[in-house]
Protein backbone atom coordinates (compact mmCIF):
# COMPACT_ATOMS: atom_id res chain seq x y z
CA MET A 1 0.12 0.20 0.11
CA THR A 2 0.72 3.43 -1.20
CA ASN A 3 1.23 6.44 1.36
CA THR A 4 -0.19 9.84 -0.01
CA PRO A 5 0.43 13.13 1.73
CA GLN A 6 -2.86 14.93 2.96
CA CYS A 7 -4.63 17.78 1.29
CA PRO A 8 -2.87 20.64 1.72
CA LYS A 9 -5.71 23.20 1.55
CA CYS A 10 -8.29 20.74 3.85
CA GLY A 11 -6.36 18.44 5.52
CA GLY A 12 -7.88 15.15 4.83
CA ASP A 13 -6.39 12.16 4.29
CA ASN A 14 -8.84 9.46 1.07
CA THR A 15 -6.42 11.36 -1.11
CA TYR A 16 -4.69 10.00 -4.19
CA PHE A 17 -2.68 10.14 -7.35
CA ASP A 18 -3.81 10.43 -10.76
CA GLY A 19 -1.29 9.92 -12.33
CA SER A 20 0.13 13.34 -12.32
CA LEU A 21 -1.43 15.01 -9.27
CA ASN A 22 -2.53 13.59 -6.11
CA VAL A 23 -6.21 15.02 -5.92
CA CYS A 24 -8.49 15.18 -2.53
CA PRO A 25 -12.20 14.09 -3.64
CA ASP A 26 -12.92 15.90 -0.35
CA CYS A 27 -11.93 19.47 -1.34
CA GLY A 28 -11.60 18.92 -4.74
CA HIS A 29 -7.99 20.07 -4.32
CA GLU A 30 -5.24 18.50 -6.61
CA PHE A 31 -1.50 18.98 -6.26
CA ASN A 32 2.60 17.94 -5.87
CA ALA A 33 2.73 16.10 -3.55
CA GLY A 34 6.58 17.85 -2.85
CA GLU A 35 5.01 21.01 -3.33
CA GLU A 36 4.61 23.26 -0.70
CA SER A 37 1.23 25.36 -0.07
CA SER A 38 1.73 29.19 -1.20
CA ASP A 39 -1.38 29.52 -1.62
CA ALA A 40 -1.87 33.04 0.42
CA ASN A 41 -1.56 31.21 3.45
CA ASP A 42 1.93 32.62 4.00
CA ILE A 43 -0.08 36.12 4.24
CA ALA A 44 -1.10 37.55 8.23
CA ARG A 45 -4.77 38.83 7.74
CA ASP A 46 -6.61 40.36 10.35
CA SER A 47 -10.85 39.28 11.50
CA ASN A 48 -12.07 40.60 8.15
CA GLY A 49 -9.87 38.89 6.31
CA ALA A 50 -6.83 42.54 6.33
CA GLU A 51 -3.87 42.06 5.10
CA LEU A 52 -1.12 43.05 7.82
CA CYS A 53 2.97 44.44 8.15
CA ASP A 54 5.12 45.23 10.09
CA GLY A 55 4.62 47.95 12.94
CA ASP A 56 0.94 48.26 11.56
CA ALA A 57 -1.50 49.31 14.92
CA VAL A 58 -4.40 47.03 15.44
CA THR A 59 -7.61 46.40 17.76
CA VAL A 60 -7.99 43.81 20.54
CA ILE A 61 -11.85 43.02 19.09
CA LYS A 62 -12.89 39.83 21.62
CA ASP A 63 -11.35 40.42 26.04
CA LEU A 64 -8.17 38.27 26.42
CA LYS A 65 -7.43 36.39 29.38
CA VAL A 66 -3.84 36.03 29.00
CA LYS A 67 -2.22 32.78 30.03
CA GLY A 68 -0.90 32.04 33.16
CA SER A 69 -0.95 35.87 33.85
CA SER A 70 -4.05 37.61 36.30
CA MET A 71 -3.84 40.36 33.41
CA VAL A 72 -6.98 40.31 30.63
CA ILE A 73 -6.67 42.69 27.63
CA LYS A 74 -9.60 44.40 26.84
CA ARG A 75 -11.65 44.48 24.47
CA GLY A 76 -10.81 47.91 22.21
CA THR A 77 -7.29 48.16 23.22
CA LYS A 78 -5.29 49.88 20.51
CA VAL A 79 -1.92 47.73 20.21
CA LYS A 80 0.06 49.29 18.40
CA SER A 81 3.93 47.88 16.19
CA ILE A 82 2.86 45.71 15.95
CA ARG A 83 5.47 42.38 14.75
CA LEU A 84 4.60 38.93 12.54
CA THR A 85 6.13 35.65 13.51
CA ASP A 86 6.87 32.60 11.43
CA ASN A 87 3.61 32.19 11.90
CA PRO A 88 1.44 33.71 9.69
CA GLU A 89 -1.57 33.24 12.42
CA GLU A 90 -0.03 34.69 15.20
CA VAL A 91 1.27 38.54 15.94
CA ASP A 92 3.84 39.69 18.29
CA CYS A 93 3.54 42.82 20.01
CA LYS A 94 3.32 45.16 22.89
CA ILE A 95 1.05 45.46 25.78
CA ASP A 96 1.06 47.18 29.64
CA GLY A 97 5.14 47.43 29.14
CA SER A 98 4.75 43.00 28.36
CA SER A 99 6.15 40.94 25.91
CA ILE A 100 2.59 39.25 24.10
CA VAL A 101 1.94 37.15 21.05
CA LEU A 102 -1.37 37.38 19.37
CA LYS A 103 -3.56 35.58 17.39
CA THR A 104 -5.07 37.35 15.09
CA CYS A 105 -8.34 35.88 14.73
CA PHE A 106 -9.14 38.76 17.32
CA LEU A 107 -7.81 41.97 16.01
CA LYS A 108 -8.79 43.96 13.85
CA LYS A 109 -6.90 46.68 11.69
């Protein structure tokens, strides 16, 4: 039995080789096994889909409890000068002098 890769789009295990490309019947995505997914997944986007860049100012859209602390980041908090990380779903920033990593799904530009 041959090992087929997972679909990079939906993560499904139900892929098969179609002679030249791997195909995912669940989402219909066709891909080469050796290629990295270079779709728009490498771009950091906020909760509304706007592209984020280094140095942007963003606003928190939900009260966030900080793990390992009693600190709460309130909704509406303005965060200036964010820094992008290797993970497009996270940004690095400073709030009240503390360096914190925030998920982009809780931010808006």
